[in-house]
């Protein structure tokens, strides 16, 4: 569920980059994917040890739950790589579209996994003891 929420937030950031491809001096933004993966791995390890999972980035990124149960980031990272054009914009539409496609596949995979888990729970609940 957390990965799906992260992918949804990242989708917004990437779409914003694409929308600002012609904005002078706009710099591409992204969410810290490697940091999120490290955080998720650490949280799963703590859960297996029966510790309370804490969603906090050590590198200054703060991941917290919103009132609606979703995830929020206090800031996004600004990638230093990329093409800097004469107008000061470094958004590459090709790169952003590739990230968008990969992110959509991740979110779709996570939603399918969640759907499968809910189907298993529903199957277990609907069976009757004779």
C-alpha atoms as a PDB file:
ATOM      1  CA  UNK A   1       0.000   0.000   0.000  1.00  0.00           C
ATOM      2  CA  UNK A   2       2.839   2.398   0.862  1.00  0.00           C
ATOM      3  CA  UNK A   3       4.574   1.716  -2.438  1.00  0.00           C
ATOM      4  CA  UNK A   4       1.370   2.419  -4.336  1.00  0.00           C
ATOM      5  CA  UNK A   5       0.933   5.694  -2.451  1.00  0.00           C
ATOM      6  CA  UNK A   6       4.555   6.625  -3.148  1.00  0.00           C
ATOM      7  CA  UNK A   7       4.093   5.856  -6.862  1.00  0.00           C
ATOM      8  CA  UNK A   8       0.967   8.037  -6.943  1.00  0.00           C
ATOM      9  CA  UNK A   9       2.830  10.964  -5.389  1.00  0.00           C
ATOM     10  CA  UNK A  10       5.786  10.461  -7.731  1.00  0.00           C
ATOM     11  CA  UNK A  11       3.424  10.392 -10.702  1.00  0.00           C
ATOM     12  CA  UNK A  12       2.261  13.893  -9.767  1.00  0.00           C
ATOM     13  CA  UNK A  13       5.829  15.187  -9.521  1.00  0.00           C
ATOM     14  CA  UNK A  14       6.821  13.701 -12.900  1.00  0.00           C
ATOM     15  CA  UNK A  15       3.650  15.019 -14.550  1.00  0.00           C
ATOM     16  CA  UNK A  16       4.473  18.450 -13.132  1.00  0.00           C
ATOM     17  CA  UNK A  17       7.935  18.230 -14.729  1.00  0.00           C
ATOM     18  CA  UNK A  18       6.379  17.433 -18.102  1.00  0.00           C
ATOM     19  CA  UNK A  19       3.876  20.268 -17.727  1.00  0.00           C
ATOM     20  CA  UNK A  20       6.751  22.702 -17.092  1.00  0.00           C
ATOM     21  CA  UNK A  21       8.933  21.607 -20.014  1.00  0.00           C
ATOM     22  CA  UNK A  22       8.749  25.094 -21.566  1.00  0.00           C
ATOM     23  CA  UNK A  23       8.920  27.092 -18.318  1.00  0.00           C
ATOM     24  CA  UNK A  24      12.142  29.143 -18.206  1.00  0.00           C
ATOM     25  CA  UNK A  25      14.524  28.275 -15.347  1.00  0.00           C
ATOM     26  CA  UNK A  26      12.363  25.331 -14.193  1.00  0.00           C
ATOM     27  CA  UNK A  27      14.421  22.470 -12.738  1.00  0.00           C
ATOM     28  CA  UNK A  28      13.161  18.897 -12.854  1.00  0.00           C
ATOM     29  CA  UNK A  29      12.097  17.416  -9.534  1.00  0.00           C
ATOM     30  CA  UNK A  30      11.734  13.878  -8.307  1.00  0.00           C
ATOM     31  CA  UNK A  31      10.968  11.987  -5.131  1.00  0.00           C
ATOM     32  CA  UNK A  32      13.806  10.058  -3.446  1.00  0.00           C
ATOM     33  CA  UNK A  33      13.137   6.551  -4.809  1.00  0.00           C
ATOM     34  CA  UNK A  34      16.223   4.862  -3.322  1.00  0.00           C
ATOM     35  CA  UNK A  35      15.555   6.493   0.037  1.00  0.00           C
ATOM     36  CA  UNK A  36      11.938   5.300   0.011  1.00  0.00           C
ATOM     37  CA  UNK A  37      13.026   1.754  -0.855  1.00  0.00           C
ATOM     38  CA  UNK A  38      15.540   1.808   1.998  1.00  0.00           C
ATOM     39  CA  UNK A  39      12.876   3.118   4.372  1.00  0.00           C
ATOM     40  CA  UNK A  40      10.363   0.488   3.298  1.00  0.00           C
ATOM     41  CA  UNK A  41      12.930  -2.311   3.644  1.00  0.00           C
ATOM     42  CA  UNK A  42      13.825  -1.070   7.134  1.00  0.00           C
ATOM     43  CA  UNK A  43      10.157  -0.832   8.109  1.00  0.00           C
ATOM     44  CA  UNK A  44       9.477  -4.394   6.937  1.00  0.00           C
ATOM     45  CA  UNK A  45      12.492  -5.633   8.912  1.00  0.00           C
ATOM     46  CA  UNK A  46      11.229  -3.881  12.058  1.00  0.00           C
ATOM     47  CA  UNK A  47       7.772  -5.331  11.526  1.00  0.00           C
ATOM     48  CA  UNK A  48       9.237  -8.846  11.312  1.00  0.00           C
ATOM     49  CA  UNK A  49      11.029  -8.176  14.609  1.00  0.00           C
ATOM     50  CA  UNK A  50       7.670  -6.979  15.987  1.00  0.00           C
ATOM     51  CA  UNK A  51       8.868  -3.412  16.402  1.00  0.00           C
ATOM     52  CA  UNK A  52       6.655  -0.481  15.507  1.00  0.00           C
ATOM     53  CA  UNK A  53       7.416   0.688  11.940  1.00  0.00           C
ATOM     54  CA  UNK A  54       8.480   4.305  11.714  1.00  0.00           C
ATOM     55  CA  UNK A  55       8.319   6.106   8.380  1.00  0.00           C
ATOM     56  CA  UNK A  56      11.056   8.723   8.662  1.00  0.00           C
ATOM     57  CA  UNK A  57      13.866   9.604   6.280  1.00  0.00           C
ATOM     58  CA  UNK A  58      17.264  10.096   7.899  1.00  0.00           C
ATOM     59  CA  UNK A  59      18.529  12.335   5.109  1.00  0.00           C
ATOM     60  CA  UNK A  60      16.162  15.221   5.775  1.00  0.00           C
ATOM     61  CA  UNK A  61      13.204  13.832   3.857  1.00  0.00           C
ATOM     62  CA  UNK A  62      10.234  13.489   6.146  1.00  0.00           C
ATOM     63  CA  UNK A  63       7.615  10.956   5.155  1.00  0.00           C
ATOM     64  CA  UNK A  64       4.448  11.265   7.161  1.00  0.00           C
ATOM     65  CA  UNK A  65       0.865  10.146   6.956  1.00  0.00           C
ATOM     66  CA  UNK A  66      -1.694  12.757   5.991  1.00  0.00           C
ATOM     67  CA  UNK A  67      -5.081  12.987   7.694  1.00  0.00           C
ATOM     68  CA  UNK A  68      -6.602  10.863   4.937  1.00  0.00           C
ATOM     69  CA  UNK A  69      -4.099   8.047   5.552  1.00  0.00           C
ATOM     70  CA  UNK A  70      -1.949   8.892   2.520  1.00  0.00           C
ATOM     71  CA  UNK A  71       1.706   9.822   2.426  1.00  0.00           C
ATOM     72  CA  UNK A  72       3.226  13.275   2.235  1.00  0.00           C
ATOM     73  CA  UNK A  73       6.789  14.410   1.668  1.00  0.00           C
ATOM     74  CA  UNK A  74       8.142  17.563   3.175  1.00  0.00           C
ATOM     75  CA  UNK A  75      10.300  18.217   0.100  1.00  0.00           C
ATOM     76  CA  UNK A  76      11.470  16.695  -3.140  1.00  0.00           C
ATOM     77  CA  UNK A  77      14.960  16.295  -4.452  1.00  0.00           C
ATOM     78  CA  UNK A  78      16.287  18.252  -7.411  1.00  0.00           C
ATOM     79  CA  UNK A  79      18.318  15.980  -9.662  1.00  0.00           C
ATOM     80  CA  UNK A  80      21.584  17.592 -10.705  1.00  0.00           C
ATOM     81  CA  UNK A  81      21.877  15.547 -13.867  1.00  0.00           C
ATOM     82  CA  UNK A  82      20.118  16.508 -17.043  1.00  0.00           C
ATOM     83  CA  UNK A  83      20.341  18.847 -19.945  1.00  0.00           C
ATOM     84  CA  UNK A  84      20.444  22.532 -19.159  1.00  0.00           C
ATOM     85  CA  UNK A  85      18.971  24.417 -22.096  1.00  0.00           C
ATOM     86  CA  UNK A  86      19.517  28.049 -22.993  1.00  0.00           C
ATOM     87  CA  UNK A  87      16.363  29.026 -21.061  1.00  0.00           C
ATOM     88  CA  UNK A  88      17.698  27.422 -17.854  1.00  0.00           C
ATOM     89  CA  UNK A  89      15.209  24.533 -17.972  1.00  0.00           C
ATOM     90  CA  UNK A  90      16.631  21.013 -17.541  1.00  0.00           C
ATOM     91  CA  UNK A  91      13.496  18.917 -18.202  1.00  0.00           C
ATOM     92  CA  UNK A  92      13.981  16.142 -20.746  1.00  0.00           C
ATOM     93  CA  UNK A  93      10.585  14.994 -22.016  1.00  0.00           C
ATOM     94  CA  UNK A  94      12.019  11.631 -23.082  1.00  0.00           C
ATOM     95  CA  UNK A  95      13.515  10.989 -19.647  1.00  0.00           C
ATOM     96  CA  UNK A  96      10.366  12.115 -17.840  1.00  0.00           C
ATOM     97  CA  UNK A  97       8.139   9.947 -20.040  1.00  0.00           C
ATOM     98  CA  UNK A  98      10.376   6.941 -19.340  1.00  0.00           C
ATOM     99  CA  UNK A  99      10.151   7.629 -15.587  1.00  0.00           C
ATOM    100  CA  UNK A 100       6.382   8.063 -15.880  1.00  0.00           C
ATOM    101  CA  UNK A 101       6.013   4.752 -17.702  1.00  0.00           C
ATOM    102  CA  UNK A 102       8.177   2.868 -15.214  1.00  0.00           C
ATOM    103  CA  UNK A 103       6.338   4.463 -12.297  1.00  0.00           C
ATOM    104  CA  UNK A 104       2.953   3.510 -13.801  1.00  0.00           C
ATOM    105  CA  UNK A 105       4.111  -0.113 -14.091  1.00  0.00           C
ATOM    106  CA  UNK A 106       5.210  -0.083 -10.447  1.00  0.00           C
ATOM    107  CA  UNK A 107       1.892   1.326  -9.288  1.00  0.00           C
ATOM    108  CA  UNK A 108      -0.075  -1.145 -11.408  1.00  0.00           C
ATOM    109  CA  UNK A 109       1.956  -4.054 -10.010  1.00  0.00           C
ATOM    110  CA  UNK A 110       1.386  -2.906  -6.444  1.00  0.00           C
ATOM    111  CA  UNK A 111      -2.352  -2.495  -7.014  1.00  0.00           C
ATOM    112  CA  UNK A 112      -2.575  -5.987  -8.506  1.00  0.00           C
ATOM    113  CA  UNK A 113      -0.732  -7.366  -5.495  1.00  0.00           C
ATOM    114  CA  UNK A 114      -3.093  -5.585  -3.104  1.00  0.00           C
ATOM    115  CA  UNK A 115      -6.111  -6.796  -5.077  1.00  0.00           C
ATOM    116  CA  UNK A 116      -4.797 -10.374  -4.848  1.00  0.00           C
ATOM    117  CA  UNK A 117      -4.292 -10.065  -1.066  1.00  0.00           C
ATOM    118  CA  UNK A 118      -7.832  -8.751  -0.612  1.00  0.00           C
ATOM    119  CA  UNK A 119      -9.170 -11.599  -2.757  1.00  0.00           C
ATOM    120  CA  UNK A 120      -7.373 -14.089  -0.488  1.00  0.00           C
ATOM    121  CA  UNK A 121      -8.849 -12.457   2.611  1.00  0.00           C
ATOM    122  CA  UNK A 122     -12.321 -12.444   1.067  1.00  0.00           C
ATOM    123  CA  UNK A 123     -11.950 -16.106   0.137  1.00  0.00           C
ATOM    124  CA  UNK A 124     -10.898 -17.016   3.669  1.00  0.00           C
ATOM    125  CA  UNK A 125     -13.802 -15.079   5.215  1.00  0.00           C
ATOM    126  CA  UNK A 126     -16.465 -16.516   2.907  1.00  0.00           C
ATOM    127  CA  UNK A 127     -15.633 -20.169   3.614  1.00  0.00           C
ATOM    128  CA  UNK A 128     -17.934 -21.868   6.104  1.00  0.00           C
ATOM    129  CA  UNK A 129     -16.982 -24.323   8.791  1.00  0.00           C
ATOM    130  CA  UNK A 130     -19.109 -27.459   8.612  1.00  0.00           C
END
